[in-house]
């Protein structure tokens, strides 16, 4: 059986320490999680915040990275 992911030397999945992990962006006003994107941990170690359209609020609002 083949694995769909590779293991590091320690035996942990590589995706756990990936340089470009998938993150979820949630609206600051209504807290709905609207967007999924990737970010580079080396260039952006802090939480990401972007102005994007929220369909629930029907306006452009700030979206922050959630855990």
C-alpha atoms as a PDB file:
ATOM      1  CA  UNK A   1       0.000   0.000   0.000  1.00  0.00           C
ATOM      2  CA  UNK A   2       1.392   3.397  -0.982  1.00  0.00           C
ATOM      3  CA  UNK A   3       1.204   6.442   1.273  1.00  0.00           C
ATOM      4  CA  UNK A   4      -0.132   9.681  -0.194  1.00  0.00           C
ATOM      5  CA  UNK A   5       2.287  11.682   1.967  1.00  0.00           C
ATOM      6  CA  UNK A   6       5.949  11.340   2.778  1.00  0.00           C
ATOM      7  CA  UNK A   7       7.513  11.085   6.221  1.00  0.00           C
ATOM      8  CA  UNK A   8      10.427  13.111   7.551  1.00  0.00           C
ATOM      9  CA  UNK A   9      13.422  11.595   9.334  1.00  0.00           C
ATOM     10  CA  UNK A  10      11.570  11.853  12.667  1.00  0.00           C
ATOM     11  CA  UNK A  11       8.590   9.959  11.256  1.00  0.00           C
ATOM     12  CA  UNK A  12       6.164  12.895  11.251  1.00  0.00           C
ATOM     13  CA  UNK A  13       4.222  13.792   8.114  1.00  0.00           C
ATOM     14  CA  UNK A  14       5.904  16.497   6.043  1.00  0.00           C
ATOM     15  CA  UNK A  15       2.646  18.466   5.765  1.00  0.00           C
ATOM     16  CA  UNK A  16       2.808  19.234   9.515  1.00  0.00           C
ATOM     17  CA  UNK A  17       5.970  21.298   9.017  1.00  0.00           C
ATOM     18  CA  UNK A  18       5.209  22.478   5.499  1.00  0.00           C
ATOM     19  CA  UNK A  19       6.620  25.856   4.417  1.00  0.00           C
ATOM     20  CA  UNK A  20       3.351  26.678   2.609  1.00  0.00           C
ATOM     21  CA  UNK A  21       0.475  25.409   4.784  1.00  0.00           C
ATOM     22  CA  UNK A  22      -3.197  25.822   3.931  1.00  0.00           C
ATOM     23  CA  UNK A  23      -4.884  28.508   6.026  1.00  0.00           C
ATOM     24  CA  UNK A  24      -8.502  29.579   6.429  1.00  0.00           C
ATOM     25  CA  UNK A  25      -9.569  33.224   6.329  1.00  0.00           C
ATOM     26  CA  UNK A  26     -12.564  34.227   8.467  1.00  0.00           C
ATOM     27  CA  UNK A  27     -14.555  37.459   8.319  1.00  0.00           C
ATOM     28  CA  UNK A  28     -13.841  39.749  11.278  1.00  0.00           C
ATOM     29  CA  UNK A  29     -17.437  40.987  11.539  1.00  0.00           C
ATOM     30  CA  UNK A  30     -19.558  37.831  11.142  1.00  0.00           C
ATOM     31  CA  UNK A  31     -16.824  35.185  11.843  1.00  0.00           C
ATOM     32  CA  UNK A  32     -17.789  33.111   8.789  1.00  0.00           C
ATOM     33  CA  UNK A  33     -14.915  31.180   7.202  1.00  0.00           C
ATOM     34  CA  UNK A  34     -15.060  32.159   3.546  1.00  0.00           C
ATOM     35  CA  UNK A  35     -11.642  31.566   1.974  1.00  0.00           C
ATOM     36  CA  UNK A  36      -8.908  28.921   1.973  1.00  0.00           C
ATOM     37  CA  UNK A  37      -5.452  29.879   0.730  1.00  0.00           C
ATOM     38  CA  UNK A  38      -1.769  29.116   1.232  1.00  0.00           C
ATOM     39  CA  UNK A  39       0.894  31.299   2.785  1.00  0.00           C
ATOM     40  CA  UNK A  40       4.658  31.151   3.105  1.00  0.00           C
ATOM     41  CA  UNK A  41       5.649  30.806   6.776  1.00  0.00           C
ATOM     42  CA  UNK A  42       9.109  32.278   6.205  1.00  0.00           C
ATOM     43  CA  UNK A  43       7.841  35.478   4.560  1.00  0.00           C
ATOM     44  CA  UNK A  44       4.678  35.876   6.684  1.00  0.00           C
ATOM     45  CA  UNK A  45       5.251  34.448  10.175  1.00  0.00           C
ATOM     46  CA  UNK A  46       2.427  36.563  11.669  1.00  0.00           C
ATOM     47  CA  UNK A  47      -1.278  36.043  11.104  1.00  0.00           C
ATOM     48  CA  UNK A  48      -2.475  37.086   7.671  1.00  0.00           C
ATOM     49  CA  UNK A  49      -5.170  39.762   7.273  1.00  0.00           C
ATOM     50  CA  UNK A  50      -6.713  40.738   3.931  1.00  0.00           C
ATOM     51  CA  UNK A  51      -9.696  42.790   2.739  1.00  0.00           C
ATOM     52  CA  UNK A  52     -12.001  40.403   0.866  1.00  0.00           C
ATOM     53  CA  UNK A  53     -15.659  40.181  -0.050  1.00  0.00           C
ATOM     54  CA  UNK A  54     -17.901  38.457   2.488  1.00  0.00           C
ATOM     55  CA  UNK A  55     -21.089  37.057   0.907  1.00  0.00           C
ATOM     56  CA  UNK A  56     -22.873  36.971   4.270  1.00  0.00           C
ATOM     57  CA  UNK A  57     -22.133  40.654   5.072  1.00  0.00           C
ATOM     58  CA  UNK A  58     -22.414  41.538   1.364  1.00  0.00           C
ATOM     59  CA  UNK A  59     -19.464  43.949   1.602  1.00  0.00           C
ATOM     60  CA  UNK A  60     -15.672  44.055   1.600  1.00  0.00           C
ATOM     61  CA  UNK A  61     -14.448  43.346   5.119  1.00  0.00           C
ATOM     62  CA  UNK A  62     -11.208  42.324   6.796  1.00  0.00           C
ATOM     63  CA  UNK A  63     -10.562  38.575   6.837  1.00  0.00           C
ATOM     64  CA  UNK A  64      -8.049  37.156   9.328  1.00  0.00           C
ATOM     65  CA  UNK A  65      -6.228  33.857   9.412  1.00  0.00           C
ATOM     66  CA  UNK A  66      -7.814  31.313  11.747  1.00  0.00           C
ATOM     67  CA  UNK A  67      -6.226  28.288  13.333  1.00  0.00           C
END
